Amino acid sequence: MLADFAGGALGVDLNAGHFSAALAGADGNPVESFTFPCVTYGKSSDQTKDAVRKVAA
């Protein structure tokens, strides 16, 4: 499978307390960035999965 980034790309990063996402254009330069609250510290595995699913929805 080959990736096609002709239309740009989306990068996602899980940090302490939030998700960060950034859109990059076809030229590789940032277009837009987002931050979504998502606290996972101190949660069970199932609670963490639920929190991540809610952010991704």
N, C-alpha and C. Protein backbone atom coordinates (compact mmCIF):
# COMPACT_ATOMS: atom_id res chain seq x y z
N MET A 1 0.85 -1.17 0.00
CA MET A 1 0.00 0.00 0.00
C MET A 1 0.90 1.24 0.00
N LEU A 2 0.59 2.18 -0.86
CA LEU A 2 1.34 3.43 -0.92
C LEU A 2 0.46 4.57 -0.41
N ALA A 3 1.05 5.45 0.38
CA ALA A 3 0.32 6.62 0.88
C ALA A 3 0.32 7.70 -0.19
N ASP A 4 -0.78 8.39 -0.32
CA ASP A 4 -0.89 9.49 -1.29
C ASP A 4 -1.16 10.77 -0.51
N PHE A 5 -0.16 11.62 -0.41
CA PHE A 5 -0.29 12.87 0.33
C PHE A 5 -0.49 14.07 -0.60
N ALA A 6 -0.95 13.82 -1.81
CA ALA A 6 -1.13 14.89 -2.79
C ALA A 6 -2.12 15.93 -2.29
N GLY A 7 -3.07 15.51 -1.46
CA GLY A 7 -4.06 16.44 -0.93
C GLY A 7 -3.73 16.94 0.46
N GLY A 8 -2.56 16.54 1.01
CA GLY A 8 -2.19 16.95 2.36
C GLY A 8 -2.21 15.76 3.29
N ALA A 9 -2.10 16.05 4.57
CA ALA A 9 -2.05 14.98 5.57
C ALA A 9 -2.61 15.48 6.90
N LEU A 10 -2.98 14.54 7.75
CA LEU A 10 -3.46 14.83 9.10
C LEU A 10 -2.53 14.15 10.08
N GLY A 11 -2.03 14.92 11.04
CA GLY A 11 -1.20 14.36 12.10
C GLY A 11 -1.94 14.44 13.41
N VAL A 12 -1.87 13.38 14.22
CA VAL A 12 -2.56 13.32 15.50
C VAL A 12 -1.57 12.92 16.58
N ASP A 13 -1.67 13.56 17.75
CA ASP A 13 -0.75 13.28 18.86
C ASP A 13 -1.54 13.27 20.17
N LEU A 14 -1.36 12.23 20.96
CA LEU A 14 -1.99 12.13 22.28
C LEU A 14 -1.01 12.65 23.32
N ASN A 15 -1.38 13.70 24.00
CA ASN A 15 -0.55 14.32 25.03
C ASN A 15 -1.23 14.16 26.38
N ALA A 16 -0.54 14.58 27.42
CA ALA A 16 -1.12 14.54 28.76
C ALA A 16 -2.29 15.51 28.82
N GLY A 17 -3.49 14.99 28.87
CA GLY A 17 -4.68 15.82 29.03
C GLY A 17 -5.35 16.29 27.77
N HIS A 18 -4.76 16.02 26.59
CA HIS A 18 -5.42 16.46 25.36
C HIS A 18 -4.85 15.76 24.13
N PHE A 19 -5.64 15.79 23.06
CA PHE A 19 -5.22 15.36 21.74
C PHE A 19 -4.87 16.62 20.96
N SER A 20 -3.87 16.53 20.15
CA SER A 20 -3.56 17.60 19.20
C SER A 20 -3.67 17.02 17.81
N ALA A 21 -4.18 17.80 16.89
CA ALA A 21 -4.26 17.38 15.50
C ALA A 21 -3.86 18.56 14.63
N ALA A 22 -3.20 18.26 13.53
CA ALA A 22 -2.78 19.31 12.62
C ALA A 22 -2.98 18.85 11.18
N LEU A 23 -3.48 19.77 10.38
CA LEU A 23 -3.62 19.52 8.95
C LEU A 23 -2.44 20.15 8.24
N ALA A 24 -1.83 19.39 7.34
CA ALA A 24 -0.75 19.92 6.52
C ALA A 24 -1.20 19.89 5.07
N GLY A 25 -0.88 20.94 4.35
CA GLY A 25 -1.23 21.00 2.94
C GLY A 25 -0.32 20.10 2.11
N ALA A 26 -0.60 20.02 0.83
CA ALA A 26 0.19 19.18 -0.07
C ALA A 26 1.65 19.60 -0.09
N ASP A 27 1.93 20.88 0.23
CA ASP A 27 3.30 21.37 0.25
C ASP A 27 4.02 21.07 1.58
N GLY A 28 3.29 20.47 2.54
CA GLY A 28 3.87 20.11 3.82
C GLY A 28 3.78 21.18 4.89
N ASN A 29 3.26 22.33 4.54
CA ASN A 29 3.12 23.41 5.51
C ASN A 29 1.82 23.27 6.29
N PRO A 30 1.83 23.66 7.59
CA PRO A 30 0.62 23.57 8.40
C PRO A 30 -0.49 24.46 7.84
N VAL A 31 -1.69 23.92 7.85
CA VAL A 31 -2.86 24.66 7.38
C VAL A 31 -3.72 25.07 8.57
N GLU A 32 -3.92 24.13 9.49
CA GLU A 32 -4.79 24.37 10.65
C GLU A 32 -4.42 23.38 11.75
N SER A 33 -4.62 23.80 13.00
CA SER A 33 -4.36 22.88 14.11
C SER A 33 -5.52 22.94 15.10
N PHE A 34 -5.68 21.86 15.85
CA PHE A 34 -6.80 21.70 16.78
C PHE A 34 -6.28 21.08 18.07
N THR A 35 -6.95 21.38 19.18
CA THR A 35 -6.68 20.74 20.46
C THR A 35 -8.01 20.29 21.05
N PHE A 36 -8.05 19.03 21.48
CA PHE A 36 -9.25 18.44 22.06
C PHE A 36 -8.94 17.94 23.46
N PRO A 37 -9.64 18.40 24.49
CA PRO A 37 -9.40 17.89 25.84
C PRO A 37 -9.67 16.38 25.91
N CYS A 38 -8.78 15.66 26.58
CA CYS A 38 -8.96 14.21 26.74
C CYS A 38 -8.07 13.74 27.89
N VAL A 39 -8.64 13.70 29.07
CA VAL A 39 -7.87 13.29 30.25
C VAL A 39 -7.91 11.78 30.38
N THR A 40 -6.74 11.15 30.39
CA THR A 40 -6.67 9.70 30.52
C THR A 40 -5.91 9.28 31.79
N TYR A 41 -5.26 10.21 32.44
CA TYR A 41 -4.48 9.89 33.64
C TYR A 41 -5.38 9.37 34.75
N GLY A 42 -5.00 8.26 35.36
CA GLY A 42 -5.74 7.69 36.48
C GLY A 42 -6.98 6.91 36.08
N LYS A 43 -7.20 6.71 34.80
CA LYS A 43 -8.38 5.99 34.35
C LYS A 43 -8.01 4.55 34.01
N SER A 44 -9.00 3.69 34.08
CA SER A 44 -8.79 2.30 33.70
C SER A 44 -8.62 2.22 32.18
N SER A 45 -8.20 1.07 31.71
CA SER A 45 -8.04 0.86 30.27
C SER A 45 -9.35 1.11 29.52
N ASP A 46 -10.45 0.59 30.06
CA ASP A 46 -11.74 0.77 29.41
C ASP A 46 -12.17 2.24 29.42
N GLN A 47 -11.91 2.94 30.51
CA GLN A 47 -12.26 4.36 30.58
C GLN A 47 -11.42 5.17 29.59
N THR A 48 -10.15 4.80 29.46
CA THR A 48 -9.27 5.49 28.51
C THR A 48 -9.76 5.28 27.09
N LYS A 49 -10.09 4.04 26.74
CA LYS A 49 -10.61 3.74 25.40
C LYS A 49 -11.88 4.54 25.13
N ASP A 50 -12.76 4.64 26.12
CA ASP A 50 -14.00 5.39 25.96
C ASP A 50 -13.72 6.87 25.72
N ALA A 51 -12.79 7.45 26.48
CA ALA A 51 -12.45 8.86 26.32
C ALA A 51 -11.88 9.13 24.93
N VAL A 52 -11.00 8.23 24.46
CA VAL A 52 -10.40 8.40 23.13
C VAL A 52 -11.46 8.26 22.04
N ARG A 53 -12.36 7.32 22.19
CA ARG A 53 -13.44 7.14 21.20
C ARG A 53 -14.33 8.39 21.12
N LYS A 54 -14.60 8.99 22.27
CA LYS A 54 -15.45 10.19 22.29
C LYS A 54 -14.77 11.35 21.56
N VAL A 55 -13.47 11.49 21.73
CA VAL A 55 -12.75 12.55 21.02
C VAL A 55 -12.75 12.28 19.52
N ALA A 56 -12.58 11.02 19.15
CA ALA A 56 -12.48 10.65 17.73
C ALA A 56 -13.83 10.70 17.00
N ALA A 57 -14.92 10.69 17.75
CA ALA A 57 -16.25 10.64 17.11
C ALA A 57 -16.63 11.93 16.44
